[in-house]
């Protein structure tokens, strides 16, 4: 259901630039479509990473898969690409994890925030 995904998710993704922080703000709908924003930012282990923000749109499937496609930039750092996320939500842990298809050998893990 949309309530499972709606809200703020925080964590990181690992790619060729190193580990980058990520916050997803997701809105759900009754038909399974999802829209939100993807904010990425530097982490202590990767202080040289840029900050950027773009729109994500996708679909939440009844089996827990969430596929988010990259959309328009809101805040564009020169030389960066927006990415999509393909993964699954674990209802037991409240974590969404999977792969970043645009980046070779890249994975992500975000956890849903319970405070709104």
PDB file of N, CA and C in Angstrom:
ATOM      1  N   UNK A   1       0.833  -1.196   0.000  1.00  0.00           N
ATOM      2  CA  UNK A   1       0.000   0.000   0.000  1.00  0.00           C
ATOM      3  C   UNK A   1       0.871   1.250   0.000  1.00  0.00           C
ATOM      4  N   UNK A   2       0.287   2.360  -0.345  1.00  0.00           N
ATOM      5  CA  UNK A   2       1.034   3.612  -0.455  1.00  0.00           C
ATOM      6  C   UNK A   2       1.623   4.050   0.872  1.00  0.00           C
ATOM      7  N   UNK A   3       0.963   3.709   1.981  1.00  0.00           N
ATOM      8  CA  UNK A   3       1.471   4.123   3.297  1.00  0.00           C
ATOM      9  C   UNK A   3       2.851   3.523   3.578  1.00  0.00           C
ATOM     10  N   UNK A   4       3.111   2.340   3.019  1.00  0.00           N
ATOM     11  CA  UNK A   4       4.394   1.679   3.251  1.00  0.00           C
ATOM     12  C   UNK A   4       5.560   2.485   2.702  1.00  0.00           C
ATOM     13  N   UNK A   5       5.323   3.229   1.643  1.00  0.00           N
ATOM     14  CA  UNK A   5       6.420   3.927   0.988  1.00  0.00           C
ATOM     15  C   UNK A   5       6.408   5.429   1.192  1.00  0.00           C
ATOM     16  N   UNK A   6       5.248   5.997   1.505  1.00  0.00           N
ATOM     17  CA  UNK A   6       5.148   7.445   1.651  1.00  0.00           C
ATOM     18  C   UNK A   6       5.957   7.917   2.854  1.00  0.00           C
ATOM     19  N   UNK A   7       6.770   8.941   2.636  1.00  0.00           N
ATOM     20  CA  UNK A   7       7.545   9.510   3.734  1.00  0.00           C
ATOM     21  C   UNK A   7       8.996   9.718   3.367  1.00  0.00           C
ATOM     22  N   UNK A   8       9.798   9.866   4.411  1.00  0.00           N
ATOM     23  CA  UNK A   8      11.214  10.180   4.257  1.00  0.00           C
ATOM     24  C   UNK A   8      12.058   8.932   4.497  1.00  0.00           C
ATOM     25  N   UNK A   9      12.973   8.673   3.581  1.00  0.00           N
ATOM     26  CA  UNK A   9      13.895   7.550   3.658  1.00  0.00           C
ATOM     27  C   UNK A   9      15.310   8.117   3.620  1.00  0.00           C
ATOM     28  N   UNK A  10      16.183   7.647   4.508  1.00  0.00           N
ATOM     29  CA  UNK A  10      17.557   8.145   4.509  1.00  0.00           C
ATOM     30  C   UNK A  10      18.540   6.988   4.532  1.00  0.00           C
ATOM     31  N   UNK A  11      19.689   7.224   3.935  1.00  0.00           N
ATOM     32  CA  UNK A  11      20.730   6.206   3.896  1.00  0.00           C
ATOM     33  C   UNK A  11      21.836   6.639   2.973  1.00  0.00           C
ATOM     34  N   UNK A  12      22.318   5.687   2.153  1.00  0.00           N
ATOM     35  CA  UNK A  12      23.395   6.028   1.244  1.00  0.00           C
ATOM     36  C   UNK A  12      23.395   5.117   0.038  1.00  0.00           C
ATOM     37  N   UNK A  13      24.177   5.526  -0.951  1.00  0.00           N
ATOM     38  CA  UNK A  13      24.454   4.620  -2.050  1.00  0.00           C
ATOM     39  C   UNK A  13      25.936   4.629  -2.344  1.00  0.00           C
ATOM     40  N   UNK A  14      26.389   3.492  -2.820  1.00  0.00           N
ATOM     41  CA  UNK A  14      27.801   3.276  -3.097  1.00  0.00           C
ATOM     42  C   UNK A  14      27.979   3.209  -4.602  1.00  0.00           C
ATOM     43  N   UNK A  15      28.859   4.053  -5.126  1.00  0.00           N
ATOM     44  CA  UNK A  15      29.126   4.027  -6.559  1.00  0.00           C
ATOM     45  C   UNK A  15      30.595   4.314  -6.788  1.00  0.00           C
ATOM     46  N   UNK A  16      30.961   4.575  -8.035  1.00  0.00           N
ATOM     47  CA  UNK A  16      32.374   4.780  -8.368  1.00  0.00           C
ATOM     48  C   UNK A  16      32.978   5.968  -7.625  1.00  0.00           C
ATOM     49  N   UNK A  17      32.157   6.942  -7.241  1.00  0.00           N
ATOM     50  CA  UNK A  17      32.663   8.103  -6.489  1.00  0.00           C
ATOM     51  C   UNK A  17      32.811   7.813  -4.994  1.00  0.00           C
ATOM     52  N   UNK A  18      32.377   6.651  -4.552  1.00  0.00           N
ATOM     53  CA  UNK A  18      32.427   6.326  -3.131  1.00  0.00           C
ATOM     54  C   UNK A  18      31.023   6.299  -2.544  1.00  0.00           C
ATOM     55  N   UNK A  19      30.942   6.434  -1.227  1.00  0.00           N
ATOM     56  CA  UNK A  19      29.634   6.399  -0.558  1.00  0.00           C
ATOM     57  C   UNK A  19      29.060   7.808  -0.500  1.00  0.00           C
ATOM     58  N   UNK A  20      27.841   7.944  -0.972  1.00  0.00           N
ATOM     59  CA  UNK A  20      27.150   9.229  -1.013  1.00  0.00           C
ATOM     60  C   UNK A  20      25.880   9.125  -0.186  1.00  0.00           C
ATOM     61  N   UNK A  21      25.596  10.140   0.606  1.00  0.00           N
ATOM     62  CA  UNK A  21      24.359  10.158   1.387  1.00  0.00           C
ATOM     63  C   UNK A  21      23.165  10.386   0.481  1.00  0.00           C
ATOM     64  N   UNK A  22      22.019   9.836   0.860  1.00  0.00           N
ATOM     65  CA  UNK A  22      20.804  10.026   0.066  1.00  0.00           C
ATOM     66  C   UNK A  22      19.585  10.143   0.982  1.00  0.00           C
ATOM     67  N   UNK A  23      18.698  11.049   0.616  1.00  0.00           N
ATOM     68  CA  UNK A  23      17.389  11.166   1.256  1.00  0.00           C
ATOM     69  C   UNK A  23      16.335  11.101   0.164  1.00  0.00           C
ATOM     70  N   UNK A  24      15.390  10.190   0.319  1.00  0.00           N
ATOM     71  CA  UNK A  24      14.241  10.091  -0.586  1.00  0.00           C
ATOM     72  C   UNK A  24      13.027  10.622   0.151  1.00  0.00           C
ATOM     73  N   UNK A  25      12.288  11.506  -0.486  1.00  0.00           N
ATOM     74  CA  UNK A  25      10.992  11.965   0.034  1.00  0.00           C
ATOM     75  C   UNK A  25       9.963  11.434  -0.945  1.00  0.00           C
ATOM     76  N   UNK A  26       9.205  10.421  -0.547  1.00  0.00           N
ATOM     77  CA  UNK A  26       8.302   9.741  -1.475  1.00  0.00           C
ATOM     78  C   UNK A  26       6.834   9.991  -1.150  1.00  0.00           C
ATOM     79  N   UNK A  27       6.070  10.146  -2.219  1.00  0.00           N
ATOM     80  CA  UNK A  27       4.615  10.256  -2.133  1.00  0.00           C
ATOM     81  C   UNK A  27       4.043   9.043  -2.849  1.00  0.00           C
ATOM     82  N   UNK A  28       3.087   8.396  -2.247  1.00  0.00           N
ATOM     83  CA  UNK A  28       2.471   7.232  -2.871  1.00  0.00           C
ATOM     84  C   UNK A  28       1.082   7.566  -3.379  1.00  0.00           C
ATOM     85  N   UNK A  29       0.532   6.663  -4.173  1.00  0.00           N
ATOM     86  CA  UNK A  29      -0.841   6.818  -4.634  1.00  0.00           C
ATOM     87  C   UNK A  29      -1.510   5.453  -4.650  1.00  0.00           C
ATOM     88  N   UNK A  30      -2.815   5.455  -4.752  1.00  0.00           N
ATOM     89  CA  UNK A  30      -3.570   4.213  -4.667  1.00  0.00           C
ATOM     90  C   UNK A  30      -3.264   3.239  -5.802  1.00  0.00           C
ATOM     91  N   UNK A  31      -2.886   3.751  -6.980  1.00  0.00           N
ATOM     92  CA  UNK A  31      -2.640   2.852  -8.114  1.00  0.00           C
ATOM     93  C   UNK A  31      -1.222   2.307  -8.150  1.00  0.00           C
ATOM     94  N   UNK A  32      -0.417   2.588  -7.124  1.00  0.00           N
ATOM     95  CA  UNK A  32       0.940   2.067  -7.068  1.00  0.00           C
ATOM     96  C   UNK A  32       1.994   2.997  -7.634  1.00  0.00           C
ATOM     97  N   UNK A  33       1.561   4.106  -8.247  1.00  0.00           N
ATOM     98  CA  UNK A  33       2.566   5.030  -8.768  1.00  0.00           C
ATOM     99  C   UNK A  33       3.186   5.828  -7.624  1.00  0.00           C
ATOM    100  N   UNK A  34       4.447   6.197  -7.813  1.00  0.00           N
ATOM    101  CA  UNK A  34       5.218   6.873  -6.786  1.00  0.00           C
ATOM    102  C   UNK A  34       5.887   8.086  -7.408  1.00  0.00           C
ATOM    103  N   UNK A  35       5.923   9.179  -6.664  1.00  0.00           N
ATOM    104  CA  UNK A  35       6.681  10.339  -7.093  1.00  0.00           C
ATOM    105  C   UNK A  35       7.361  10.921  -5.868  1.00  0.00           C
ATOM    106  N   UNK A  36       8.479  11.545  -6.082  1.00  0.00           N
ATOM    107  CA  UNK A  36       9.171  12.154  -4.960  1.00  0.00           C
ATOM    108  C   UNK A  36      10.440  12.838  -5.402  1.00  0.00           C
ATOM    109  N   UNK A  37      11.319  13.079  -4.429  1.00  0.00           N
ATOM    110  CA  UNK A  37      12.606  13.703  -4.722  1.00  0.00           C
ATOM    111  C   UNK A  37      13.733  12.839  -4.184  1.00  0.00           C
ATOM    112  N   UNK A  38      14.856  12.919  -4.840  1.00  0.00           N
ATOM    113  CA  UNK A  38      16.075  12.196  -4.502  1.00  0.00           C
ATOM    114  C   UNK A  38      17.130  13.264  -4.251  1.00  0.00           C
ATOM    115  N   UNK A  39      17.570  13.379  -3.016  1.00  0.00           N
ATOM    116  CA  UNK A  39      18.609  14.340  -2.635  1.00  0.00           C
ATOM    117  C   UNK A  39      19.866  13.556  -2.293  1.00  0.00           C
ATOM    118  N   UNK A  40      20.991  13.911  -2.925  1.00  0.00           N
ATOM    119  CA  UNK A  40      22.255  13.272  -2.556  1.00  0.00           C
ATOM    120  C   UNK A  40      23.230  14.319  -2.061  1.00  0.00           C
ATOM    121  N   UNK A  41      24.161  13.881  -1.204  1.00  0.00           N
ATOM    122  CA  UNK A  41      25.037  14.825  -0.519  1.00  0.00           C
ATOM    123  C   UNK A  41      26.292  14.110  -0.019  1.00  0.00           C
ATOM    124  N   UNK A  42      27.356  14.875   0.320  1.00  0.00           N
ATOM    125  CA  UNK A  42      28.598  14.280   0.802  1.00  0.00           C
ATOM    126  C   UNK A  42      28.413  13.555   2.138  1.00  0.00           C
ATOM    127  N   UNK A  43      29.273  12.582   2.385  1.00  0.00           N
ATOM    128  CA  UNK A  43      29.327  11.878   3.675  1.00  0.00           C
ATOM    129  C   UNK A  43      30.742  12.061   4.241  1.00  0.00           C
ATOM    130  N   UNK A  44      30.934  11.785   5.529  1.00  0.00           N
ATOM    131  CA  UNK A  44      32.283  11.919   6.109  1.00  0.00           C
ATOM    132  C   UNK A  44      33.344  11.108   5.353  1.00  0.00           C
ATOM    133  N   UNK A  45      32.959   9.945   4.823  1.00  0.00           N
ATOM    134  CA  UNK A  45      33.929   9.118   4.095  1.00  0.00           C
ATOM    135  C   UNK A  45      34.132   9.597   2.654  1.00  0.00           C
ATOM    136  N   UNK A  46      33.292  10.511   2.189  1.00  0.00           N
ATOM    137  CA  UNK A  46      33.366  11.001   0.814  1.00  0.00           C
ATOM    138  C   UNK A  46      33.021  12.495   0.782  1.00  0.00           C
ATOM    139  N   UNK A  47      33.861  13.329   1.444  1.00  0.00           N
ATOM    140  CA  UNK A  47      33.529  14.754   1.575  1.00  0.00           C
ATOM    141  C   UNK A  47      33.563  15.526   0.255  1.00  0.00           C
ATOM    142  N   UNK A  48      34.157  14.942  -0.785  1.00  0.00           N
ATOM    143  CA  UNK A  48      34.231  15.634  -2.068  1.00  0.00           C
ATOM    144  C   UNK A  48      32.999  15.462  -2.938  1.00  0.00           C
ATOM    145  N   UNK A  49      32.046  14.665  -2.504  1.00  0.00           N
ATOM    146  CA  UNK A  49      30.832  14.447  -3.300  1.00  0.00           C
ATOM    147  C   UNK A  49      30.027  15.737  -3.386  1.00  0.00           C
ATOM    148  N   UNK A  50      29.302  15.873  -4.466  1.00  0.00           N
ATOM    149  CA  UNK A  50      28.460  17.050  -4.660  1.00  0.00           C
ATOM    150  C   UNK A  50      27.120  16.863  -3.961  1.00  0.00           C
ATOM    151  N   UNK A  51      26.359  17.946  -3.911  1.00  0.00           N
ATOM    152  CA  UNK A  51      24.972  17.897  -3.463  1.00  0.00           C
ATOM    153  C   UNK A  51      24.100  18.144  -4.681  1.00  0.00           C
ATOM    154  N   UNK A  52      23.049  17.351  -4.817  1.00  0.00           N
ATOM    155  CA  UNK A  52      22.132  17.518  -5.935  1.00  0.00           C
ATOM    156  C   UNK A  52      20.767  16.983  -5.584  1.00  0.00           C
ATOM    157  N   UNK A  53      19.777  17.354  -6.407  1.00  0.00           N
ATOM    158  CA  UNK A  53      18.407  16.927  -6.128  1.00  0.00           C
ATOM    159  C   UNK A  53      17.655  16.790  -7.446  1.00  0.00           C
ATOM    160  N   UNK A  54      16.914  15.703  -7.580  1.00  0.00           N
ATOM    161  CA  UNK A  54      16.096  15.503  -8.776  1.00  0.00           C
ATOM    162  C   UNK A  54      14.807  14.774  -8.425  1.00  0.00           C
ATOM    163  N   UNK A  55      13.887  14.807  -9.360  1.00  0.00           N
ATOM    164  CA  UNK A  55      12.587  14.153  -9.192  1.00  0.00           C
ATOM    165  C   UNK A  55      12.725  12.674  -9.547  1.00  0.00           C
ATOM    166  N   UNK A  56      12.052  11.821  -8.788  1.00  0.00           N
ATOM    167  CA  UNK A  56      11.958  10.398  -9.130  1.00  0.00           C
ATOM    168  C   UNK A  56      10.487  10.041  -9.315  1.00  0.00           C
ATOM    169  N   UNK A  57      10.249   9.137 -10.263  1.00  0.00           N
ATOM    170  CA  UNK A  57       8.898   8.622 -10.498  1.00  0.00           C
ATOM    171  C   UNK A  57       9.012   7.127 -10.700  1.00  0.00           C
ATOM    172  N   UNK A  58       8.038   6.393 -10.185  1.00  0.00           N
ATOM    173  CA  UNK A  58       8.129   4.959 -10.356  1.00  0.00           C
ATOM    174  C   UNK A  58       6.876   4.223  -9.954  1.00  0.00           C
ATOM    175  N   UNK A  59       7.082   2.927  -9.687  1.00  0.00           N
ATOM    176  CA  UNK A  59       5.972   2.032  -9.384  1.00  0.00           C
ATOM    177  C   UNK A  59       6.333   1.171  -8.178  1.00  0.00           C
ATOM    178  N   UNK A  60       5.378   1.033  -7.269  1.00  0.00           N
ATOM    179  CA  UNK A  60       5.497   0.122  -6.135  1.00  0.00           C
ATOM    180  C   UNK A  60       4.642  -1.099  -6.432  1.00  0.00           C
ATOM    181  N   UNK A  61       5.264  -2.271  -6.416  1.00  0.00           N
ATOM    182  CA  UNK A  61       4.579  -3.518  -6.735  1.00  0.00           C
ATOM    183  C   UNK A  61       4.122  -4.222  -5.463  1.00  0.00           C
ATOM    184  N   UNK A  62       3.084  -5.030  -5.578  1.00  0.00           N
ATOM    185  CA  UNK A  62       2.510  -5.693  -4.405  1.00  0.00           C
ATOM    186  C   UNK A  62       3.482  -6.654  -3.731  1.00  0.00           C
ATOM    187  N   UNK A  63       4.497  -7.122  -4.455  1.00  0.00           N
ATOM    188  CA  UNK A  63       5.478  -8.032  -3.843  1.00  0.00           C
ATOM    189  C   UNK A  63       6.590  -7.290  -3.101  1.00  0.00           C
ATOM    190  N   UNK A  64       6.479  -5.948  -3.001  1.00  0.00           N
ATOM    191  CA  UNK A  64       7.464  -5.173  -2.257  1.00  0.00           C
ATOM    192  C   UNK A  64       8.543  -4.518  -3.101  1.00  0.00           C
ATOM    193  N   UNK A  65       8.566  -4.826  -4.409  1.00  0.00           N
ATOM    194  CA  UNK A  65       9.547  -4.172  -5.279  1.00  0.00           C
ATOM    195  C   UNK A  65       9.151  -2.715  -5.487  1.00  0.00           C
ATOM    196  N   UNK A  66      10.152  -1.855  -5.493  1.00  0.00           N
ATOM    197  CA  UNK A  66       9.941  -0.441  -5.779  1.00  0.00           C
ATOM    198  C   UNK A  66      10.958  -0.048  -6.835  1.00  0.00           C
ATOM    199  N   UNK A  67      10.468   0.384  -7.999  1.00  0.00           N
ATOM    200  CA  UNK A  67      11.335   0.789  -9.094  1.00  0.00           C
ATOM    201  C   UNK A  67      11.134   2.278  -9.323  1.00  0.00           C
ATOM    202  N   UNK A  68      12.208   3.037  -9.094  1.00  0.00           N
ATOM    203  CA  UNK A  68      12.159   4.485  -9.247  1.00  0.00           C
ATOM    204  C   UNK A  68      13.030   4.912 -10.414  1.00  0.00           C
ATOM    205  N   UNK A  69      12.432   5.635 -11.351  1.00  0.00           N
ATOM    206  CA  UNK A  69      13.164   6.142 -12.504  1.00  0.00           C
ATOM    207  C   UNK A  69      13.588   7.578 -12.285  1.00  0.00           C
ATOM    208  N   UNK A  70      14.674   7.951 -12.939  1.00  0.00           N
ATOM    209  CA  UNK A  70      15.215   9.295 -12.786  1.00  0.00           C
ATOM    210  C   UNK A  70      14.385  10.308 -13.562  1.00  0.00           C
ATOM    211  N   UNK A  71      14.278  11.483 -12.990  1.00  0.00           N
ATOM    212  CA  UNK A  71      13.482  12.529 -13.616  1.00  0.00           C
ATOM    213  C   UNK A  71      14.251  13.823 -13.724  1.00  0.00           C
ATOM    214  N   UNK A  72      13.529  14.915 -13.776  1.00  0.00           N
ATOM    215  CA  UNK A  72      14.114  16.242 -13.981  1.00  0.00           C
ATOM    216  C   UNK A  72      14.934  16.697 -12.776  1.00  0.00           C
ATOM    217  N   UNK A  73      15.995  17.424 -13.056  1.00  0.00           N
ATOM    218  CA  UNK A  73      16.827  18.000 -11.994  1.00  0.00           C
ATOM    219  C   UNK A  73      16.124  19.158 -11.306  1.00  0.00           C
ATOM    220  N   UNK A  74      16.311  19.259 -10.008  1.00  0.00           N
ATOM    221  CA  UNK A  74      15.888  20.416  -9.224  1.00  0.00           C
ATOM    222  C   UNK A  74      17.128  21.246  -8.888  1.00  0.00           C
ATOM    223  N   UNK A  75      18.194  20.537  -8.521  1.00  0.00           N
ATOM    224  CA  UNK A  75      19.480  21.171  -8.220  1.00  0.00           C
ATOM    225  C   UNK A  75      20.555  20.326  -8.884  1.00  0.00           C
ATOM    226  N   UNK A  76      21.172  20.850  -9.951  1.00  0.00           N
ATOM    227  CA  UNK A  76      22.078  20.061 -10.774  1.00  0.00           C
ATOM    228  C   UNK A  76      23.545  20.409 -10.527  1.00  0.00           C
ATOM    229  N   UNK A  77      24.340  19.456 -10.009  1.00  0.00           N
ATOM    230  CA  UNK A  77      25.779  19.685  -9.903  1.00  0.00           C
ATOM    231  C   UNK A  77      26.456  19.271 -11.218  1.00  0.00           C
ATOM    232  N   UNK A  78      27.265  20.131 -11.753  1.00  0.00           N
ATOM    233  CA  UNK A  78      27.943  19.910 -13.032  1.00  0.00           C
ATOM    234  C   UNK A  78      28.616  18.534 -13.084  1.00  0.00           C
ATOM    235  N   UNK A  79      28.368  17.816 -14.173  1.00  0.00           N
ATOM    236  CA  UNK A  79      29.042  16.545 -14.387  1.00  0.00           C
ATOM    237  C   UNK A  79      28.396  15.332 -13.744  1.00  0.00           C
ATOM    238  N   UNK A  80      27.316  15.500 -13.034  1.00  0.00           N
ATOM    239  CA  UNK A  80      26.641  14.373 -12.380  1.00  0.00           C
ATOM    240  C   UNK A  80      25.459  13.897 -13.221  1.00  0.00           C
ATOM    241  N   UNK A  81      25.072  12.639 -13.019  1.00  0.00           N
ATOM    242  CA  UNK A  81      23.878  12.110 -13.678  1.00  0.00           C
ATOM    243  C   UNK A  81      22.839  11.787 -12.613  1.00  0.00           C
ATOM    244  N   UNK A  82      21.572  11.906 -12.995  1.00  0.00           N
ATOM    245  CA  UNK A  82      20.525  11.417 -12.106  1.00  0.00           C
ATOM    246  C   UNK A  82      20.472   9.902 -12.287  1.00  0.00           C
ATOM    247  N   UNK A  83      20.048   9.194 -11.264  1.00  0.00           N
ATOM    248  CA  UNK A  83      20.057   7.731 -11.312  1.00  0.00           C
ATOM    249  C   UNK A  83      18.678   7.174 -10.981  1.00  0.00           C
ATOM    250  N   UNK A  84      18.487   5.916 -11.325  1.00  0.00           N
ATOM    251  CA  UNK A  84      17.264   5.220 -10.947  1.00  0.00           C
ATOM    252  C   UNK A  84      17.611   4.177  -9.892  1.00  0.00           C
ATOM    253  N   UNK A  85      16.602   3.731  -9.183  1.00  0.00           N
ATOM    254  CA  UNK A  85      16.789   2.729  -8.135  1.00  0.00           C
ATOM    255  C   UNK A  85      15.892   1.537  -8.419  1.00  0.00           C
ATOM    256  N   UNK A  86      16.437   0.341  -8.273  1.00  0.00           N
ATOM    257  CA  UNK A  86      15.671  -0.892  -8.438  1.00  0.00           C
ATOM    258  C   UNK A  86      15.910  -1.744  -7.211  1.00  0.00           C
ATOM    259  N   UNK A  87      14.860  -1.983  -6.460  1.00  0.00           N
ATOM    260  CA  UNK A  87      15.058  -2.771  -5.254  1.00  0.00           C
ATOM    261  C   UNK A  87      13.765  -3.231  -4.632  1.00  0.00           C
ATOM    262  N   UNK A  88      13.885  -3.655  -3.378  1.00  0.00           N
ATOM    263  CA  UNK A  88      12.744  -4.211  -2.666  1.00  0.00           C
ATOM    264  C   UNK A  88      12.711  -3.653  -1.246  1.00  0.00           C
ATOM    265  N   UNK A  89      11.511  -3.472  -0.740  1.00  0.00           N
ATOM    266  CA  UNK A  89      11.330  -3.007   0.632  1.00  0.00           C
ATOM    267  C   UNK A  89      11.142  -4.220   1.531  1.00  0.00           C
ATOM    268  N   UNK A  90      11.915  -4.262   2.609  1.00  0.00           N
ATOM    269  CA  UNK A  90      11.791  -5.331   3.593  1.00  0.00           C
ATOM    270  C   UNK A  90      10.861  -4.833   4.697  1.00  0.00           C
ATOM    271  N   UNK A  91       9.633  -5.371   4.782  1.00  0.00           N
ATOM    272  CA  UNK A  91       8.688  -4.877   5.781  1.00  0.00           C
ATOM    273  C   UNK A  91       9.155  -5.093   7.216  1.00  0.00           C
ATOM    274  N   UNK A  92       9.984  -6.088   7.457  1.00  0.00           N
ATOM    275  CA  UNK A  92      10.448  -6.381   8.811  1.00  0.00           C
ATOM    276  C   UNK A  92      11.412  -5.311   9.324  1.00  0.00           C
ATOM    277  N   UNK A  93      12.252  -4.782   8.422  1.00  0.00           N
ATOM    278  CA  UNK A  93      13.270  -3.813   8.847  1.00  0.00           C
ATOM    279  C   UNK A  93      12.934  -2.374   8.440  1.00  0.00           C
ATOM    280  N   UNK A  94      11.976  -2.199   7.526  1.00  0.00           N
ATOM    281  CA  UNK A  94      11.679  -0.865   7.021  1.00  0.00           C
ATOM    282  C   UNK A  94      12.775  -0.335   6.127  1.00  0.00           C
ATOM    283  N   UNK A  95      13.549  -1.242   5.512  1.00  0.00           N
ATOM    284  CA  UNK A  95      14.639  -0.827   4.650  1.00  0.00           C
ATOM    285  C   UNK A  95      14.320  -1.112   3.186  1.00  0.00           C
ATOM    286  N   UNK A  96      14.779  -0.214   2.340  1.00  0.00           N
ATOM    287  CA  UNK A  96      14.656  -0.341   0.890  1.00  0.00           C
ATOM    288  C   UNK A  96      16.074  -0.442   0.362  1.00  0.00           C
ATOM    289  N   UNK A  97      16.386  -1.552  -0.314  1.00  0.00           N
ATOM    290  CA  UNK A  97      17.737  -1.752  -0.807  1.00  0.00           C
ATOM    291  C   UNK A  97      17.707  -2.377  -2.186  1.00  0.00           C
ATOM    292  N   UNK A  98      18.810  -2.190  -2.915  1.00  0.00           N
ATOM    293  CA  UNK A  98      18.892  -2.751  -4.251  1.00  0.00           C
ATOM    294  C   UNK A  98      20.062  -2.179  -5.013  1.00  0.00           C
ATOM    295  N   UNK A  99      19.860  -2.012  -6.323  1.00  0.00           N
ATOM    296  CA  UNK A  99      20.939  -1.586  -7.210  1.00  0.00           C
ATOM    297  C   UNK A  99      20.612  -0.260  -7.888  1.00  0.00           C
ATOM    298  N   UNK A 100      21.682   0.413  -8.323  1.00  0.00           N
ATOM    299  CA  UNK A 100      21.593   1.642  -9.102  1.00  0.00           C
ATOM    300  C   UNK A 100      22.056   1.268 -10.515  1.00  0.00           C
ATOM    301  N   UNK A 101      21.111   1.018 -11.450  1.00  0.00           N
ATOM    302  CA  UNK A 101      21.479   0.463 -12.755  1.00  0.00           C
ATOM    303  C   UNK A 101      22.474   1.306 -13.562  1.00  0.00           C
ATOM    304  N   UNK A 102      22.463   2.612 -13.412  1.00  0.00           N
ATOM    305  CA  UNK A 102      23.337   3.466 -14.213  1.00  0.00           C
ATOM    306  C   UNK A 102      24.800   3.416 -13.784  1.00  0.00           C
ATOM    307  N   UNK A 103      25.064   2.890 -12.587  1.00  0.00           N
ATOM    308  CA  UNK A 103      26.415   2.875 -12.045  1.00  0.00           C
ATOM    309  C   UNK A 103      26.863   1.438 -11.844  1.00  0.00           C
ATOM    310  N   UNK A 104      27.927   1.044 -12.489  1.00  0.00           N
ATOM    311  CA  UNK A 104      28.428  -0.327 -12.401  1.00  0.00           C
ATOM    312  C   UNK A 104      28.684  -0.720 -10.947  1.00  0.00           C
ATOM    313  N   UNK A 105      28.186  -1.868 -10.549  1.00  0.00           N
ATOM    314  CA  UNK A 105      28.444  -2.441  -9.225  1.00  0.00           C
ATOM    315  C   UNK A 105      28.006  -1.515  -8.091  1.00  0.00           C
ATOM    316  N   UNK A 106      26.931  -0.777  -8.301  1.00  0.00           N
ATOM    317  CA  UNK A 106      26.477   0.185  -7.302  1.00  0.00           C
ATOM    318  C   UNK A 106      25.234  -0.324  -6.578  1.00  0.00           C
ATOM    319  N   UNK A 107      25.213  -0.120  -5.261  1.00  0.00           N
ATOM    320  CA  UNK A 107      24.085  -0.552  -4.446  1.00  0.00           C
ATOM    321  C   UNK A 107      23.625   0.608  -3.559  1.00  0.00           C
ATOM    322  N   UNK A 108      22.403   0.487  -3.027  1.00  0.00           N
ATOM    323  CA  UNK A 108      21.893   1.500  -2.114  1.00  0.00           C
ATOM    324  C   UNK A 108      21.150   0.843  -0.963  1.00  0.00           C
ATOM    325  N   UNK A 109      21.032   1.566   0.140  1.00  0.00           N
ATOM    326  CA  UNK A 109      20.258   1.116   1.299  1.00  0.00           C
ATOM    327  C   UNK A 109      19.727   2.353   2.003  1.00  0.00           C
ATOM    328  N   UNK A 110      18.411   2.451   2.103  1.00  0.00           N
ATOM    329  CA  UNK A 110      17.780   3.555   2.834  1.00  0.00           C
ATOM    330  C   UNK A 110      16.770   2.981   3.814  1.00  0.00           C
ATOM    331  N   UNK A 111      16.571   3.680   4.905  1.00  0.00           N
ATOM    332  CA  UNK A 111      15.644   3.259   5.944  1.00  0.00           C
ATOM    333  C   UNK A 111      14.574   4.313   6.114  1.00  0.00           C
ATOM    334  N   UNK A 112      13.344   3.870   6.249  1.00  0.00           N
ATOM    335  CA  UNK A 112      12.239   4.806   6.404  1.00  0.00           C
ATOM    336  C   UNK A 112      12.270   5.441   7.782  1.00  0.00           C
ATOM    337  N   UNK A 113      12.097   6.752   7.798  1.00  0.00           N
ATOM    338  CA  UNK A 113      12.043   7.498   9.054  1.00  0.00           C
ATOM    339  C   UNK A 113      10.658   7.351   9.654  1.00  0.00           C
ATOM    340  N   UNK A 114      10.590   7.119  10.955  1.00  0.00           N
ATOM    341  CA  UNK A 114       9.287   6.969  11.609  1.00  0.00           C
ATOM    342  C   UNK A 114       8.753   8.274  12.146  1.00  0.00           C
ATOM    343  N   UNK A 115       9.607   9.287  12.216  1.00  0.00           N
ATOM    344  CA  UNK A 115       9.128  10.602  12.671  1.00  0.00           C
ATOM    345  C   UNK A 115       8.761  11.437  11.452  1.00  0.00           C
ATOM    346  N   UNK A 116       7.609  12.000  11.456  1.00  0.00           N
ATOM    347  CA  UNK A 116       7.163  12.790  10.293  1.00  0.00           C
ATOM    348  C   UNK A 116       7.149  14.256  10.611  1.00  0.00           C
TER     349      UNK A 116
END
